Amino acid sequence: MNGISEIELVAAAARGDACPENARCIDRSLYYGLYYLYRMYHMGHITKERAAEEKAKMLKRYRKDVILQRAMEENAAIRVRLGEYLKQVDFNLCPLARIMDGRERT
């Protein structure tokens, strides 16, 4: 899973740099959230304490999203490997495989 590091995203948002080209969807969500947060703080619309609280919430959610993204990618890889194995099964010799494949009902 390639992307940009959390530290690089935070730094880019704080500096007001453009969102990095290699940012994934979840990275972009964090970047734009932080970018907006930093702008609101610098414009005086929110306090430093409130900005820190919001940033902590965003980072906590981002870390959960990264874990979920990895789990989904690993799950997809497992399903692909399972599909490759099922292609090799002789369904005529294995009644259980026919049931798992949906060719027969129990």
C-alpha atoms as a PDB file:
ATOM      1  CA  MET A   1       0.000   0.000   0.000  1.00  0.00           C
ATOM      2  CA  ASN A   2       1.769   3.080  -1.195  1.00  0.00           C
ATOM      3  CA  GLY A   3       0.987   6.595  -0.252  1.00  0.00           C
ATOM      4  CA  ILE A   4       2.443   9.419   1.698  1.00  0.00           C
ATOM      5  CA  SER A   5       3.354   9.371   5.378  1.00  0.00           C
ATOM      6  CA  GLU A   6       1.142  10.936   8.000  1.00  0.00           C
ATOM      7  CA  ILE A   7       3.965  13.319   8.971  1.00  0.00           C
ATOM      8  CA  GLU A   8       4.369  14.520   5.385  1.00  0.00           C
ATOM      9  CA  LEU A   9       0.607  15.108   5.099  1.00  0.00           C
ATOM     10  CA  VAL A  10       0.475  17.127   8.305  1.00  0.00           C
ATOM     11  CA  ALA A  11       3.499  19.188   7.289  1.00  0.00           C
ATOM     12  CA  ALA A  12       2.147  19.863   3.782  1.00  0.00           C
ATOM     13  CA  ALA A  13      -1.224  20.964   5.165  1.00  0.00           C
ATOM     14  CA  ALA A  14       0.433  23.194   7.775  1.00  0.00           C
ATOM     15  CA  ARG A  15       2.597  24.894   5.152  1.00  0.00           C
ATOM     16  CA  GLY A  16      -0.338  25.306   2.793  1.00  0.00           C
ATOM     17  CA  ASP A  17       1.349  23.228   0.098  1.00  0.00           C
ATOM     18  CA  ALA A  18      -0.712  21.495  -2.554  1.00  0.00           C
ATOM     19  CA  CYS A  19      -1.929  18.008  -1.739  1.00  0.00           C
ATOM     20  CA  PRO A  20       0.831  15.551  -2.714  1.00  0.00           C
ATOM     21  CA  GLU A  21       0.332  13.763  -6.034  1.00  0.00           C
ATOM     22  CA  ASN A  22       0.923  10.301  -4.558  1.00  0.00           C
ATOM     23  CA  ALA A  23      -1.700  10.742  -1.819  1.00  0.00           C
ATOM     24  CA  ARG A  24      -4.356   8.038  -1.609  1.00  0.00           C
ATOM     25  CA  CYS A  25      -8.024   8.860  -1.070  1.00  0.00           C
ATOM     26  CA  ILE A  26      -7.755   8.496   2.718  1.00  0.00           C
ATOM     27  CA  ASP A  27      -4.585  10.620   2.657  1.00  0.00           C
ATOM     28  CA  ARG A  28      -6.405  13.346   0.743  1.00  0.00           C
ATOM     29  CA  SER A  29      -9.237  13.341   3.269  1.00  0.00           C
ATOM     30  CA  LEU A  30      -6.786  13.931   6.096  1.00  0.00           C
ATOM     31  CA  TYR A  31      -4.834  16.527   4.121  1.00  0.00           C
ATOM     32  CA  TYR A  32      -7.882  18.637   3.227  1.00  0.00           C
ATOM     33  CA  GLY A  33      -9.292  18.359   6.742  1.00  0.00           C
ATOM     34  CA  LEU A  34      -6.022  19.564   8.233  1.00  0.00           C
ATOM     35  CA  TYR A  35      -5.560  22.221   5.556  1.00  0.00           C
ATOM     36  CA  TYR A  36      -8.966  23.675   6.423  1.00  0.00           C
ATOM     37  CA  LEU A  37      -8.252  23.392  10.146  1.00  0.00           C
ATOM     38  CA  TYR A  38      -4.929  25.236   9.863  1.00  0.00           C
ATOM     39  CA  ARG A  39      -6.564  27.960   7.762  1.00  0.00           C
ATOM     40  CA  MET A  40      -9.349  28.390  10.307  1.00  0.00           C
ATOM     41  CA  TYR A  41      -6.783  28.708  13.097  1.00  0.00           C
ATOM     42  CA  HIS A  42      -4.592  31.202  11.218  1.00  0.00           C
ATOM     43  CA  MET A  43      -7.630  33.295  10.335  1.00  0.00           C
ATOM     44  CA  GLY A  44      -8.575  33.406  14.025  1.00  0.00           C
ATOM     45  CA  HIS A  45     -11.857  31.532  13.646  1.00  0.00           C
ATOM     46  CA  ILE A  46     -10.905  28.834  16.178  1.00  0.00           C
ATOM     47  CA  THR A  47      -8.620  28.713  19.200  1.00  0.00           C
ATOM     48  CA  LYS A  48      -5.352  26.820  19.344  1.00  0.00           C
ATOM     49  CA  GLU A  49      -6.860  24.406  21.889  1.00  0.00           C
ATOM     50  CA  ARG A  50      -9.869  23.691  19.682  1.00  0.00           C
ATOM     51  CA  ALA A  51      -7.611  23.206  16.665  1.00  0.00           C
ATOM     52  CA  ALA A  52      -5.466  20.753  18.628  1.00  0.00           C
ATOM     53  CA  GLU A  53      -8.556  18.779  19.692  1.00  0.00           C
ATOM     54  CA  GLU A  54      -9.856  18.617  16.137  1.00  0.00           C
ATOM     55  CA  LYS A  55      -6.463  17.624  14.785  1.00  0.00           C
ATOM     56  CA  ALA A  56      -6.224  14.794  17.341  1.00  0.00           C
ATOM     57  CA  LYS A  57      -9.669  13.535  16.293  1.00  0.00           C
ATOM     58  CA  MET A  58      -8.720  13.658  12.612  1.00  0.00           C
ATOM     59  CA  LEU A  59      -5.476  11.785  13.175  1.00  0.00           C
ATOM     60  CA  LYS A  60      -7.193   9.130  15.288  1.00  0.00           C
ATOM     61  CA  ARG A  61      -9.804   8.571  12.574  1.00  0.00           C
ATOM     62  CA  TYR A  62      -7.149   8.553   9.852  1.00  0.00           C
ATOM     63  CA  ARG A  63      -5.169   5.855  11.663  1.00  0.00           C
ATOM     64  CA  LYS A  64      -8.299   3.720  11.964  1.00  0.00           C
ATOM     65  CA  ASP A  65      -9.039   4.255   8.268  1.00  0.00           C
ATOM     66  CA  VAL A  66      -5.501   3.177   7.332  1.00  0.00           C
ATOM     67  CA  ILE A  67      -5.933  -0.047   9.308  1.00  0.00           C
ATOM     68  CA  LEU A  68      -9.320  -0.664   7.673  1.00  0.00           C
ATOM     69  CA  GLN A  69      -7.878   0.015   4.217  1.00  0.00           C
ATOM     70  CA  ARG A  70      -5.074  -2.500   4.813  1.00  0.00           C
ATOM     71  CA  ALA A  71      -7.569  -5.089   6.054  1.00  0.00           C
ATOM     72  CA  MET A  72      -9.747  -4.614   2.968  1.00  0.00           C
ATOM     73  CA  GLU A  73      -6.738  -4.943   0.664  1.00  0.00           C
ATOM     74  CA  GLU A  74      -5.581  -8.092   2.450  1.00  0.00           C
ATOM     75  CA  ASN A  75      -9.107  -9.510   2.266  1.00  0.00           C
ATOM     76  CA  ALA A  76      -9.241  -8.828  -1.470  1.00  0.00           C
ATOM     77  CA  ALA A  77      -5.891 -10.569  -1.956  1.00  0.00           C
ATOM     78  CA  ILE A  78      -7.147 -13.614  -0.027  1.00  0.00           C
ATOM     79  CA  ARG A  79     -10.289 -13.757  -2.171  1.00  0.00           C
ATOM     80  CA  VAL A  80      -8.189 -13.604  -5.337  1.00  0.00           C
ATOM     81  CA  ARG A  81      -5.985 -16.467  -4.111  1.00  0.00           C
ATOM     82  CA  LEU A  82      -9.051 -18.483  -3.099  1.00  0.00           C
ATOM     83  CA  GLY A  83     -10.548 -17.922  -6.535  1.00  0.00           C
ATOM     84  CA  GLU A  84      -7.380 -19.258  -8.139  1.00  0.00           C
ATOM     85  CA  TYR A  85      -7.553 -22.385  -5.967  1.00  0.00           C
ATOM     86  CA  LEU A  86     -11.225 -22.927  -6.788  1.00  0.00           C
ATOM     87  CA  LYS A  87     -10.411 -22.835 -10.501  1.00  0.00           C
ATOM     88  CA  GLN A  88      -8.251 -25.909  -9.940  1.00  0.00           C
ATOM     89  CA  VAL A  89     -10.955 -27.923  -8.148  1.00  0.00           C
ATOM     90  CA  ASP A  90     -12.608 -30.731 -10.090  1.00  0.00           C
ATOM     91  CA  PHE A  91     -16.235 -30.050  -9.197  1.00  0.00           C
ATOM     92  CA  ASN A  92     -17.318 -33.462 -10.494  1.00  0.00           C
ATOM     93  CA  LEU A  93     -15.222 -35.192  -7.836  1.00  0.00           C
ATOM     94  CA  CYS A  94     -16.012 -32.941  -4.885  1.00  0.00           C
ATOM     95  CA  PRO A  95     -19.664 -32.463  -3.887  1.00  0.00           C
ATOM     96  CA  LEU A  96     -18.692 -29.993  -1.151  1.00  0.00           C
ATOM     97  CA  ALA A  97     -16.967 -27.808  -3.742  1.00  0.00           C
ATOM     98  CA  ARG A  98     -20.141 -27.778  -5.843  1.00  0.00           C
ATOM     99  CA  ILE A  99     -22.115 -26.610  -2.795  1.00  0.00           C
ATOM    100  CA  MET A 100     -19.550 -23.896  -1.979  1.00  0.00           C
ATOM    101  CA  ASP A 101     -19.577 -22.793  -5.609  1.00  0.00           C
ATOM    102  CA  GLY A 102     -23.368 -22.527  -5.572  1.00  0.00           C
ATOM    103  CA  ARG A 103     -23.897 -25.286  -8.159  1.00  0.00           C
ATOM    104  CA  GLU A 104     -25.807 -27.406  -5.660  1.00  0.00           C
ATOM    105  CA  ARG A 105     -28.000 -26.621  -2.722  1.00  0.00           C
ATOM    106  CA  THR A 106     -28.037 -28.486   0.559  1.00  0.00           C
END
